[in-house]
Amino acid sequence: MRKTLKFLAVVAAMTAIATTWTMAQAAPAAGAERKVSARVAPVYPELAKRMHIHGIVRIEAIVRPNGTVKSTRVLGGNPVLVDAAQEAVGKWKFEPTQAETTEPVQLTFDGQ
């Protein structure tokens, strides 16, 4: 009986810790994940078309409170596709908020 109670106490404690940790991981960062109100599709670079280059470009966009993109920074992707991705994201519009936010963006170039 004692072993069962100890076991149940340990399970309850582990569940409480796991729940707290999961909720902390699932919560978005302050201001993150603003909705995009207007997207501009990237222009597929001619060189990428000729070389059959495709892939994903990850961009970090600094978005002003009014929803316009202040700046972008490349987080990863093929260098042939990066300029087109940055140019497109720079023209995006996000929903307005009270403060400037940093938004992760991922663009997929699929060999159009």
PDB file of N, CA and C in Angstrom:
ATOM      1  N   MET A   1       0.828  -1.196   0.000  1.00  0.00           N
ATOM      2  CA  MET A   1       0.000   0.000   0.000  1.00  0.00           C
ATOM      3  C   MET A   1       0.870   1.258   0.000  1.00  0.00           C
ATOM      4  N   ARG A   2       1.935   1.236   0.832  1.00  0.00           N
ATOM      5  CA  ARG A   2       2.818   2.399   0.903  1.00  0.00           C
ATOM      6  C   ARG A   2       3.518   2.646  -0.418  1.00  0.00           C
ATOM      7  N   LYS A   3       3.959   1.560  -1.050  1.00  0.00           N
ATOM      8  CA  LYS A   3       4.635   1.684  -2.334  1.00  0.00           C
ATOM      9  C   LYS A   3       3.693   2.271  -3.375  1.00  0.00           C
ATOM     10  N   THR A   4       2.439   1.874  -3.334  1.00  0.00           N
ATOM     11  CA  THR A   4       1.451   2.387  -4.279  1.00  0.00           C
ATOM     12  C   THR A   4       1.231   3.881  -4.076  1.00  0.00           C
ATOM     13  N   LEU A   5       1.137   4.302  -2.814  1.00  0.00           N
ATOM     14  CA  LEU A   5       0.950   5.726  -2.530  1.00  0.00           C
ATOM     15  C   LEU A   5       2.157   6.552  -2.974  1.00  0.00           C
ATOM     16  N   LYS A   6       3.355   6.030  -2.722  1.00  0.00           N
ATOM     17  CA  LYS A   6       4.567   6.725  -3.159  1.00  0.00           C
ATOM     18  C   LYS A   6       4.587   6.827  -4.690  1.00  0.00           C
ATOM     19  N   PHE A   7       4.249   5.723  -5.314  1.00  0.00           N
ATOM     20  CA  PHE A   7       4.225   5.705  -6.781  1.00  0.00           C
ATOM     21  C   PHE A   7       3.232   6.731  -7.324  1.00  0.00           C
ATOM     22  N   LEU A   8       2.041   6.781  -6.749  1.00  0.00           N
ATOM     23  CA  LEU A   8       1.022   7.741  -7.187  1.00  0.00           C
ATOM     24  C   LEU A   8       1.467   9.176  -6.936  1.00  0.00           C
ATOM     25  N   ALA A   9       2.140   9.423  -5.832  1.00  0.00           N
ATOM     26  CA  ALA A   9       2.643  10.767  -5.538  1.00  0.00           C
ATOM     27  C   ALA A   9       3.696  11.175  -6.558  1.00  0.00           C
ATOM     28  N   VAL A  10       4.584  10.247  -6.891  1.00  0.00           N
ATOM     29  CA  VAL A  10       5.622  10.535  -7.892  1.00  0.00           C
ATOM     30  C   VAL A  10       4.975  10.798  -9.260  1.00  0.00           C
ATOM     31  N   VAL A  11       4.013   9.995  -9.641  1.00  0.00           N
ATOM     32  CA  VAL A  11       3.320  10.174 -10.925  1.00  0.00           C
ATOM     33  C   VAL A  11       2.604  11.523 -10.957  1.00  0.00           C
ATOM     34  N   ALA A  12       1.946  11.882  -9.860  1.00  0.00           N
ATOM     35  CA  ALA A  12       1.241  13.167  -9.799  1.00  0.00           C
ATOM     36  C   ALA A  12       2.226  14.331  -9.922  1.00  0.00           C
ATOM     37  N   ALA A  13       3.359  14.225  -9.245  1.00  0.00           N
ATOM     38  CA  ALA A  13       4.371  15.283  -9.321  1.00  0.00           C
ATOM     39  C   ALA A  13       4.938  15.390 -10.730  1.00  0.00           C
ATOM     40  N   MET A  14       5.229  14.264 -11.343  1.00  0.00           N
ATOM     41  CA  MET A  14       5.767  14.263 -12.713  1.00  0.00           C
ATOM     42  C   MET A  14       4.752  14.843 -13.691  1.00  0.00           C
ATOM     43  N   THR A  15       3.492  14.510 -13.503  1.00  0.00           N
ATOM     44  CA  THR A  15       2.441  15.042 -14.373  1.00  0.00           C
ATOM     45  C   THR A  15       2.344  16.552 -14.236  1.00  0.00           C
ATOM     46  N   ALA A  16       2.415  17.047 -13.004  1.00  0.00           N
ATOM     47  CA  ALA A  16       2.342  18.492 -12.777  1.00  0.00           C
ATOM     48  C   ALA A  16       3.527  19.199 -13.427  1.00  0.00           C
ATOM     49  N   ILE A  17       4.712  18.639 -13.296  1.00  0.00           N
ATOM     50  CA  ILE A  17       5.911  19.237 -13.903  1.00  0.00           C
ATOM     51  C   ILE A  17       5.795  19.205 -15.424  1.00  0.00           C
ATOM     52  N   ALA A  18       5.392  18.070 -15.979  1.00  0.00           N
ATOM     53  CA  ALA A  18       5.273  17.944 -17.433  1.00  0.00           C
ATOM     54  C   ALA A  18       4.237  18.900 -17.990  1.00  0.00           C
ATOM     55  N   THR A  19       3.121  19.064 -17.297  1.00  0.00           N
ATOM     56  CA  THR A  19       2.073  19.977 -17.747  1.00  0.00           C
ATOM     57  C   THR A  19       2.569  21.409 -17.746  1.00  0.00           C
ATOM     58  N   THR A  20       3.260  21.802 -16.681  1.00  0.00           N
ATOM     59  CA  THR A  20       3.799  23.161 -16.598  1.00  0.00           C
ATOM     60  C   THR A  20       4.807  23.400 -17.700  1.00  0.00           C
ATOM     61  N   TRP A  21       5.704  22.444 -17.936  1.00  0.00           N
ATOM     62  CA  TRP A  21       6.723  22.580 -18.955  1.00  0.00           C
ATOM     63  C   TRP A  21       6.091  22.654 -20.345  1.00  0.00           C
ATOM     64  N   THR A  22       5.090  21.813 -20.607  1.00  0.00           N
ATOM     65  CA  THR A  22       4.417  21.806 -21.903  1.00  0.00           C
ATOM     66  C   THR A  22       3.704  23.126 -22.152  1.00  0.00           C
ATOM     67  N   MET A  23       3.039  23.656 -21.152  1.00  0.00           N
ATOM     68  CA  MET A  23       2.334  24.921 -21.319  1.00  0.00           C
ATOM     69  C   MET A  23       3.323  26.050 -21.589  1.00  0.00           C
ATOM     70  N   ALA A  24       4.478  26.026 -20.944  1.00  0.00           N
ATOM     71  CA  ALA A  24       5.483  27.055 -21.165  1.00  0.00           C
ATOM     72  C   ALA A  24       6.034  26.957 -22.575  1.00  0.00           C
ATOM     73  N   GLN A  25       6.222  25.740 -23.076  1.00  0.00           N
ATOM     74  CA  GLN A  25       6.740  25.551 -24.422  1.00  0.00           C
ATOM     75  C   GLN A  25       5.716  25.943 -25.489  1.00  0.00           C
ATOM     76  N   ALA A  26       4.439  25.715 -25.215  1.00  0.00           N
ATOM     77  CA  ALA A  26       3.396  25.979 -26.196  1.00  0.00           C
ATOM     78  C   ALA A  26       3.028  27.451 -26.283  1.00  0.00           C
ATOM     79  N   ALA A  27       3.297  28.204 -25.242  1.00  0.00           N
ATOM     80  CA  ALA A  27       2.926  29.616 -25.228  1.00  0.00           C
ATOM     81  C   ALA A  27       3.795  30.384 -26.210  1.00  0.00           C
ATOM     82  N   PRO A  28       3.197  31.160 -27.117  1.00  0.00           N
ATOM     83  CA  PRO A  28       4.002  31.918 -28.061  1.00  0.00           C
ATOM     84  C   PRO A  28       4.730  33.044 -27.332  1.00  0.00           C
ATOM     85  N   ALA A  29       5.856  33.432 -27.893  1.00  0.00           N
ATOM     86  CA  ALA A  29       6.611  34.551 -27.327  1.00  0.00           C
ATOM     87  C   ALA A  29       5.762  35.811 -27.427  1.00  0.00           C
ATOM     88  N   ALA A  30       6.019  36.739 -26.556  1.00  0.00           N
ATOM     89  CA  ALA A  30       5.231  37.979 -26.527  1.00  0.00           C
ATOM     90  C   ALA A  30       5.260  38.637 -27.897  1.00  0.00           C
ATOM     91  N   GLY A  31       4.088  38.825 -28.478  1.00  0.00           N
ATOM     92  CA  GLY A  31       3.987  39.505 -29.760  1.00  0.00           C
ATOM     93  C   GLY A  31       4.263  38.619 -30.972  1.00  0.00           C
ATOM     94  N   ALA A  32       4.684  37.384 -30.765  1.00  0.00           N
ATOM     95  CA  ALA A  32       5.006  36.521 -31.892  1.00  0.00           C
ATOM     96  C   ALA A  32       3.737  36.021 -32.556  1.00  0.00           C
ATOM     97  N   GLU A  33       3.895  35.575 -33.789  1.00  0.00           N
ATOM     98  CA  GLU A  33       2.804  34.975 -34.550  1.00  0.00           C
ATOM     99  C   GLU A  33       1.683  35.958 -34.885  1.00  0.00           C
ATOM    100  N   ARG A  34       2.059  37.157 -35.292  1.00  0.00           N
ATOM    101  CA  ARG A  34       1.042  38.084 -35.788  1.00  0.00           C
ATOM    102  C   ARG A  34       0.522  37.548 -37.108  1.00  0.00           C
ATOM    103  N   LYS A  35      -0.746  37.755 -37.356  1.00  0.00           N
ATOM    104  CA  LYS A  35      -1.330  37.288 -38.605  1.00  0.00           C
ATOM    105  C   LYS A  35      -0.914  38.209 -39.747  1.00  0.00           C
ATOM    106  N   VAL A  36      -0.683  37.600 -40.891  1.00  0.00           N
ATOM    107  CA  VAL A  36      -0.330  38.350 -42.093  1.00  0.00           C
ATOM    108  C   VAL A  36      -1.628  38.804 -42.744  1.00  0.00           C
ATOM    109  N   SER A  37      -1.747  40.108 -43.006  1.00  0.00           N
ATOM    110  CA  SER A  37      -2.960  40.615 -43.642  1.00  0.00           C
ATOM    111  C   SER A  37      -2.800  40.742 -45.153  1.00  0.00           C
ATOM    112  N   ALA A  38      -1.568  40.861 -45.637  1.00  0.00           N
ATOM    113  CA  ALA A  38      -1.320  40.940 -47.090  1.00  0.00           C
ATOM    114  C   ALA A  38       0.041  40.333 -47.397  1.00  0.00           C
ATOM    115  N   ARG A  39       0.032  39.287 -48.220  1.00  0.00           N
ATOM    116  CA  ARG A  39       1.280  38.624 -48.629  1.00  0.00           C
ATOM    117  C   ARG A  39       1.633  38.997 -50.058  1.00  0.00           C
ATOM    118  N   VAL A  40       2.914  39.093 -50.319  1.00  0.00           N
ATOM    119  CA  VAL A  40       3.415  39.275 -51.677  1.00  0.00           C
ATOM    120  C   VAL A  40       4.215  38.017 -51.985  1.00  0.00           C
ATOM    121  N   ALA A  41       3.866  37.341 -53.070  1.00  0.00           N
ATOM    122  CA  ALA A  41       4.574  36.118 -53.447  1.00  0.00           C
ATOM    123  C   ALA A  41       5.958  36.474 -53.984  1.00  0.00           C
ATOM    124  N   PRO A  42       6.967  35.685 -53.628  1.00  0.00           N
ATOM    125  CA  PRO A  42       8.309  35.970 -54.145  1.00  0.00           C
ATOM    126  C   PRO A  42       8.397  35.670 -55.641  1.00  0.00           C
ATOM    127  N   VAL A  43       9.219  36.435 -56.318  1.00  0.00           N
ATOM    128  CA  VAL A  43       9.483  36.198 -57.733  1.00  0.00           C
ATOM    129  C   VAL A  43      10.547  35.107 -57.801  1.00  0.00           C
ATOM    130  N   TYR A  44      10.225  34.019 -58.486  1.00  0.00           N
ATOM    131  CA  TYR A  44      11.169  32.906 -58.575  1.00  0.00           C
ATOM    132  C   TYR A  44      12.358  33.345 -59.423  1.00  0.00           C
ATOM    133  N   PRO A  45      13.569  33.354 -58.878  1.00  0.00           N
ATOM    134  CA  PRO A  45      14.734  33.828 -59.631  1.00  0.00           C
ATOM    135  C   PRO A  45      14.978  32.998 -60.895  1.00  0.00           C
ATOM    136  N   GLU A  46      15.334  33.676 -61.964  1.00  0.00           N
ATOM    137  CA  GLU A  46      15.579  33.007 -63.248  1.00  0.00           C
ATOM    138  C   GLU A  46      16.688  31.963 -63.125  1.00  0.00           C
ATOM    139  N   LEU A  47      17.744  32.295 -62.395  1.00  0.00           N
ATOM    140  CA  LEU A  47      18.844  31.352 -62.201  1.00  0.00           C
ATOM    141  C   LEU A  47      18.355  30.087 -61.499  1.00  0.00           C
ATOM    142  N   ALA A  48      17.497  30.256 -60.510  1.00  0.00           N
ATOM    143  CA  ALA A  48      16.951  29.103 -59.793  1.00  0.00           C
ATOM    144  C   ALA A  48      16.102  28.238 -60.727  1.00  0.00           C
ATOM    145  N   LYS A  49      15.361  28.875 -61.624  1.00  0.00           N
ATOM    146  CA  LYS A  49      14.563  28.110 -62.594  1.00  0.00           C
ATOM    147  C   LYS A  49      15.475  27.287 -63.493  1.00  0.00           C
ATOM    148  N   ARG A  50      16.506  27.942 -64.035  1.00  0.00           N
ATOM    149  CA  ARG A  50      17.410  27.256 -64.962  1.00  0.00           C
ATOM    150  C   ARG A  50      18.155  26.112 -64.287  1.00  0.00           C
ATOM    151  N   MET A  51      18.496  26.295 -63.010  1.00  0.00           N
ATOM    152  CA  MET A  51      19.265  25.284 -62.290  1.00  0.00           C
ATOM    153  C   MET A  51      18.374  24.302 -61.525  1.00  0.00           C
ATOM    154  N   HIS A  52      17.044  24.464 -61.664  1.00  0.00           N
ATOM    155  CA  HIS A  52      16.082  23.604 -60.974  1.00  0.00           C
ATOM    156  C   HIS A  52      16.322  23.596 -59.460  1.00  0.00           C
ATOM    157  N   ILE A  53      16.542  24.798 -58.923  1.00  0.00           N
ATOM    158  CA  ILE A  53      16.770  24.945 -57.484  1.00  0.00           C
ATOM    159  C   ILE A  53      15.430  25.165 -56.797  1.00  0.00           C
ATOM    160  N   HIS A  54      15.206  24.444 -55.727  1.00  0.00           N
ATOM    161  CA  HIS A  54      14.003  24.627 -54.916  1.00  0.00           C
ATOM    162  C   HIS A  54      14.404  24.465 -53.464  1.00  0.00           C
ATOM    163  N   GLY A  55      13.525  24.875 -52.575  1.00  0.00           N
ATOM    164  CA  GLY A  55      13.817  24.729 -51.155  1.00  0.00           C
ATOM    165  C   GLY A  55      13.055  25.735 -50.314  1.00  0.00           C
ATOM    166  N   ILE A  56      13.450  25.805 -49.063  1.00  0.00           N
ATOM    167  CA  ILE A  56      12.797  26.672 -48.086  1.00  0.00           C
ATOM    168  C   ILE A  56      13.772  27.752 -47.647  1.00  0.00           C
ATOM    169  N   VAL A  57      13.252  28.973 -47.529  1.00  0.00           N
ATOM    170  CA  VAL A  57      14.038  30.086 -46.996  1.00  0.00           C
ATOM    171  C   VAL A  57      13.347  30.545 -45.723  1.00  0.00           C
ATOM    172  N   ARG A  58      14.118  30.635 -44.655  1.00  0.00           N
ATOM    173  CA  ARG A  58      13.582  31.113 -43.375  1.00  0.00           C
ATOM    174  C   ARG A  58      14.063  32.536 -43.138  1.00  0.00           C
ATOM    175  N   ILE A  59      13.123  33.402 -42.816  1.00  0.00           N
ATOM    176  CA  ILE A  59      13.375  34.831 -42.627  1.00  0.00           C
ATOM    177  C   ILE A  59      12.838  35.249 -41.265  1.00  0.00           C
ATOM    178  N   GLU A  60      13.531  36.188 -40.640  1.00  0.00           N
ATOM    179  CA  GLU A  60      13.033  36.815 -39.429  1.00  0.00           C
ATOM    180  C   GLU A  60      12.672  38.248 -39.806  1.00  0.00           C
ATOM    181  N   ALA A  61      11.422  38.617 -39.606  1.00  0.00           N
ATOM    182  CA  ALA A  61      10.948  39.953 -39.966  1.00  0.00           C
ATOM    183  C   ALA A  61      10.692  40.769 -38.705  1.00  0.00           C
ATOM    184  N   ILE A  62      11.239  41.977 -38.667  1.00  0.00           N
ATOM    185  CA  ILE A  62      10.927  42.923 -37.594  1.00  0.00           C
ATOM    186  C   ILE A  62       9.753  43.740 -38.109  1.00  0.00           C
ATOM    187  N   VAL A  63       8.623  43.669 -37.384  1.00  0.00           N
ATOM    188  CA  VAL A  63       7.386  44.297 -37.844  1.00  0.00           C
ATOM    189  C   VAL A  63       7.027  45.457 -36.924  1.00  0.00           C
ATOM    190  N   ARG A  64       6.781  46.606 -37.532  1.00  0.00           N
ATOM    191  CA  ARG A  64       6.393  47.803 -36.776  1.00  0.00           C
ATOM    192  C   ARG A  64       4.982  47.621 -36.196  1.00  0.00           C
ATOM    193  N   PRO A  65       4.621  48.436 -35.212  1.00  0.00           N
ATOM    194  CA  PRO A  65       3.275  48.338 -34.639  1.00  0.00           C
ATOM    195  C   PRO A  65       2.154  48.496 -35.672  1.00  0.00           C
ATOM    196  N   ASN A  66       2.387  49.298 -36.730  1.00  0.00           N
ATOM    197  CA  ASN A  66       1.348  49.496 -37.743  1.00  0.00           C
ATOM    198  C   ASN A  66       1.226  48.334 -38.722  1.00  0.00           C
ATOM    199  N   GLY A  67       2.122  47.331 -38.615  1.00  0.00           N
ATOM    200  CA  GLY A  67       2.026  46.141 -39.454  1.00  0.00           C
ATOM    201  C   GLY A  67       2.973  46.099 -40.633  1.00  0.00           C
ATOM    202  N   THR A  68       3.711  47.176 -40.890  1.00  0.00           N
ATOM    203  CA  THR A  68       4.672  47.154 -41.995  1.00  0.00           C
ATOM    204  C   THR A  68       5.986  46.534 -41.530  1.00  0.00           C
ATOM    205  N   VAL A  69       6.722  45.962 -42.484  1.00  0.00           N
ATOM    206  CA  VAL A  69       7.979  45.305 -42.158  1.00  0.00           C
ATOM    207  C   VAL A  69       9.088  46.350 -42.108  1.00  0.00           C
ATOM    208  N   LYS A  70       9.761  46.401 -40.977  1.00  0.00           N
ATOM    209  CA  LYS A  70      10.867  47.350 -40.761  1.00  0.00           C
ATOM    210  C   LYS A  70      12.162  46.806 -41.364  1.00  0.00           C
ATOM    211  N   SER A  71      12.438  45.525 -41.101  1.00  0.00           N
ATOM    212  CA  SER A  71      13.657  44.908 -41.622  1.00  0.00           C
ATOM    213  C   SER A  71      13.496  43.394 -41.636  1.00  0.00           C
ATOM    214  N   THR A  72      14.393  42.749 -42.371  1.00  0.00           N
ATOM    215  CA  THR A  72      14.388  41.291 -42.436  1.00  0.00           C
ATOM    216  C   THR A  72      15.806  40.783 -42.231  1.00  0.00           C
ATOM    217  N   ARG A  73      15.878  39.542 -41.773  1.00  0.00           N
ATOM    218  CA  ARG A  73      17.169  38.884 -41.583  1.00  0.00           C
ATOM    219  C   ARG A  73      17.017  37.436 -42.000  1.00  0.00           C
ATOM    220  N   VAL A  74      17.952  36.944 -42.790  1.00  0.00           N
ATOM    221  CA  VAL A  74      17.897  35.565 -43.273  1.00  0.00           C
ATOM    222  C   VAL A  74      18.364  34.629 -42.166  1.00  0.00           C
ATOM    223  N   LEU A  75      17.562  33.598 -41.908  1.00  0.00           N
ATOM    224  CA  LEU A  75      17.913  32.580 -40.921  1.00  0.00           C
ATOM    225  C   LEU A  75      18.439  31.318 -41.588  1.00  0.00           C
ATOM    226  N   GLY A  76      18.090  31.118 -42.856  1.00  0.00           N
ATOM    227  CA  GLY A  76      18.564  29.941 -43.563  1.00  0.00           C
ATOM    228  C   GLY A  76      17.908  29.798 -44.917  1.00  0.00           C
ATOM    229  N   GLY A  77      18.581  29.072 -45.790  1.00  0.00           N
ATOM    230  CA  GLY A  77      18.032  28.819 -47.118  1.00  0.00           C
ATOM    231  C   GLY A  77      19.090  28.931 -48.186  1.00  0.00           C
ATOM    232  N   ASN A  78      18.735  28.510 -49.381  1.00  0.00           N
ATOM    233  CA  ASN A  78      19.648  28.564 -50.514  1.00  0.00           C
ATOM    234  C   ASN A  78      19.944  30.016 -50.884  1.00  0.00           C
ATOM    235  N   PRO A  79      21.222  30.376 -51.016  1.00  0.00           N
ATOM    236  CA  PRO A  79      21.583  31.760 -51.343  1.00  0.00           C
ATOM    237  C   PRO A  79      20.971  32.280 -52.649  1.00  0.00           C
ATOM    238  N   VAL A  80      20.671  31.395 -53.580  1.00  0.00           N
ATOM    239  CA  VAL A  80      20.059  31.812 -54.840  1.00  0.00           C
ATOM    240  C   VAL A  80      18.622  32.288 -54.618  1.00  0.00           C
ATOM    241  N   LEU A  81      17.963  31.790 -53.578  1.00  0.00           N
ATOM    242  CA  LEU A  81      16.566  32.117 -53.310  1.00  0.00           C
ATOM    243  C   LEU A  81      16.381  33.227 -52.267  1.00  0.00           C
ATOM    244  N   VAL A  82      17.423  33.513 -51.513  1.00  0.00           N
ATOM    245  CA  VAL A  82      17.330  34.414 -50.364  1.00  0.00           C
ATOM    246  C   VAL A  82      16.876  35.830 -50.737  1.00  0.00           C
ATOM    247  N   ASP A  83      17.455  36.419 -51.765  1.00  0.00           N
ATOM    248  CA  ASP A  83      17.096  37.803 -52.130  1.00  0.00           C
ATOM    249  C   ASP A  83      15.617  37.928 -52.494  1.00  0.00           C
ATOM    250  N   ALA A  84      15.114  36.971 -53.255  1.00  0.00           N
ATOM    251  CA  ALA A  84      13.702  37.003 -53.657  1.00  0.00           C
ATOM    252  C   ALA A  84      12.795  36.880 -52.424  1.00  0.00           C
ATOM    253  N   ALA A  85      13.192  36.033 -51.486  1.00  0.00           N
ATOM    254  CA  ALA A  85      12.394  35.855 -50.266  1.00  0.00           C
ATOM    255  C   ALA A  85      12.396  37.127 -49.427  1.00  0.00           C
ATOM    256  N   GLN A  86      13.562  37.729 -49.237  1.00  0.00           N
ATOM    257  CA  GLN A  86      13.642  38.960 -48.446  1.00  0.00           C
ATOM    258  C   GLN A  86      12.852  40.094 -49.093  1.00  0.00           C
ATOM    259  N   GLU A  87      12.941  40.205 -50.386  1.00  0.00           N
ATOM    260  CA  GLU A  87      12.209  41.269 -51.093  1.00  0.00           C
ATOM    261  C   GLU A  87      10.697  41.094 -50.924  1.00  0.00           C
ATOM    262  N   ALA A  88      10.219  39.870 -51.046  1.00  0.00           N
ATOM    263  CA  ALA A  88       8.780  39.610 -50.910  1.00  0.00           C
ATOM    264  C   ALA A  88       8.297  39.883 -49.487  1.00  0.00           C
ATOM    265  N   VAL A  89       9.003  39.366 -48.490  1.00  0.00           N
ATOM    266  CA  VAL A  89       8.581  39.539 -47.100  1.00  0.00           C
ATOM    267  C   VAL A  89       8.626  41.015 -46.704  1.00  0.00           C
ATOM    268  N   GLY A  90       9.555  41.748 -47.257  1.00  0.00           N
ATOM    269  CA  GLY A  90       9.642  43.182 -46.977  1.00  0.00           C
ATOM    270  C   GLY A  90       8.397  43.951 -47.397  1.00  0.00           C
ATOM    271  N   LYS A  91       7.606  43.380 -48.295  1.00  0.00           N
ATOM    272  CA  LYS A  91       6.380  44.025 -48.782  1.00  0.00           C
ATOM    273  C   LYS A  91       5.121  43.520 -48.076  1.00  0.00           C
ATOM    274  N   TRP A  92       5.274  42.544 -47.205  1.00  0.00           N
ATOM    275  CA  TRP A  92       4.122  41.999 -46.493  1.00  0.00           C
ATOM    276  C   TRP A  92       3.559  43.012 -45.510  1.00  0.00           C
ATOM    277  N   LYS A  93       2.287  42.827 -45.170  1.00  0.00           N
ATOM    278  CA  LYS A  93       1.608  43.634 -44.148  1.00  0.00           C
ATOM    279  C   LYS A  93       1.064  42.677 -43.091  1.00  0.00           C
ATOM    280  N   PHE A  94       1.265  43.027 -41.833  1.00  0.00           N
ATOM    281  CA  PHE A  94       0.777  42.238 -40.708  1.00  0.00           C
ATOM    282  C   PHE A  94      -0.316  43.014 -39.991  1.00  0.00           C
ATOM    283  N   GLU A  95      -1.074  42.319 -39.159  1.00  0.00           N
ATOM    284  CA  GLU A  95      -2.100  42.995 -38.370  1.00  0.00           C
ATOM    285  C   GLU A  95      -1.435  43.953 -37.389  1.00  0.00           C
ATOM    286  N   PRO A  96      -2.036  45.127 -37.151  1.00  0.00           N
ATOM    287  CA  PRO A  96      -1.458  46.087 -36.199  1.00  0.00           C
ATOM    288  C   PRO A  96      -1.492  45.559 -34.764  1.00  0.00           C
ATOM    289  N   THR A  97      -0.506  45.977 -33.981  1.00  0.00           N
ATOM    290  CA  THR A  97      -0.447  45.663 -32.549  1.00  0.00           C
ATOM    291  C   THR A  97       0.093  46.877 -31.811  1.00  0.00           C
ATOM    292  N   GLN A  98       0.262  46.743 -30.508  1.00  0.00           N
ATOM    293  CA  GLN A  98       0.743  47.843 -29.681  1.00  0.00           C
ATOM    294  C   GLN A  98       2.249  48.046 -29.766  1.00  0.00           C
ATOM    295  N   ALA A  99       2.997  47.006 -30.140  1.00  0.00           N
ATOM    296  CA  ALA A  99       4.456  47.092 -30.110  1.00  0.00           C
ATOM    297  C   ALA A  99       5.078  46.432 -31.335  1.00  0.00           C
ATOM    298  N   GLU A 100       6.334  46.742 -31.546  1.00  0.00           N
ATOM    299  CA  GLU A 100       7.113  46.110 -32.601  1.00  0.00           C
ATOM    300  C   GLU A 100       7.345  44.650 -32.221  1.00  0.00           C
ATOM    301  N   THR A 101       7.271  43.758 -33.205  1.00  0.00           N
ATOM    302  CA  THR A 101       7.470  42.334 -32.936  1.00  0.00           C
ATOM    303  C   THR A 101       8.452  41.735 -33.933  1.00  0.00           C
ATOM    304  N   THR A 102       8.956  40.578 -33.584  1.00  0.00           N
ATOM    305  CA  THR A 102       9.826  39.806 -34.465  1.00  0.00           C
ATOM    306  C   THR A 102       9.057  38.568 -34.881  1.00  0.00           C
ATOM    307  N   GLU A 103       8.894  38.402 -36.188  1.00  0.00           N
ATOM    308  CA  GLU A 103       8.074  37.306 -36.713  1.00  0.00           C
ATOM    309  C   GLU A 103       8.913  36.352 -37.558  1.00  0.00           C
ATOM    310  N   PRO A 104       8.850  35.060 -37.267  1.00  0.00           N
ATOM    311  CA  PRO A 104       9.508  34.082 -38.117  1.00  0.00           C
ATOM    312  C   PRO A 104       8.651  33.808 -39.358  1.00  0.00           C
ATOM    313  N   VAL A 105       9.296  33.749 -40.506  1.00  0.00           N
ATOM    314  CA  VAL A 105       8.588  33.511 -41.764  1.00  0.00           C
ATOM    315  C   VAL A 105       9.319  32.419 -42.523  1.00  0.00           C
ATOM    316  N   GLN A 106       8.580  31.545 -43.152  1.00  0.00           N
ATOM    317  CA  GLN A 106       9.170  30.485 -43.953  1.00  0.00           C
ATOM    318  C   GLN A 106       8.528  30.503 -45.332  1.00  0.00           C
ATOM    319  N   LEU A 107       9.348  30.623 -46.370  1.00  0.00           N
ATOM    320  CA  LEU A 107       8.847  30.632 -47.742  1.00  0.00           C
ATOM    321  C   LEU A 107       9.367  29.388 -48.452  1.00  0.00           C
ATOM    322  N   THR A 108       8.489  28.734 -49.208  1.00  0.00           N
ATOM    323  CA  THR A 108       8.862  27.532 -49.940  1.00  0.00           C
ATOM    324  C   THR A 108       8.910  27.846 -51.428  1.00  0.00           C
ATOM    325  N   PHE A 109      10.039  27.550 -52.019  1.00  0.00           N
ATOM    326  CA  PHE A 109      10.209  27.667 -53.466  1.00  0.00           C
ATOM    327  C   PHE A 109      10.179  26.244 -54.001  1.00  0.00           C
ATOM    328  N   ASP A 110       9.167  25.937 -54.823  1.00  0.00           N
ATOM    329  CA  ASP A 110       8.986  24.545 -55.239  1.00  0.00           C
ATOM    330  C   ASP A 110       9.265  24.290 -56.714  1.00  0.00           C
ATOM    331  N   GLY A 111      10.044  25.113 -57.341  1.00  0.00           N
ATOM    332  CA  GLY A 111      10.453  24.851 -58.715  1.00  0.00           C
ATOM    333  C   GLY A 111       9.432  25.242 -59.759  1.00  0.00           C
ATOM    334  N   GLN A 112       8.596  26.174 -59.473  1.00  0.00           N
ATOM    335  CA  GLN A 112       7.526  26.651 -60.354  1.00  0.00           C
ATOM    336  C   GLN A 112       7.899  26.389 -61.762  1.00  0.00           C
TER     337      GLN A 112
END
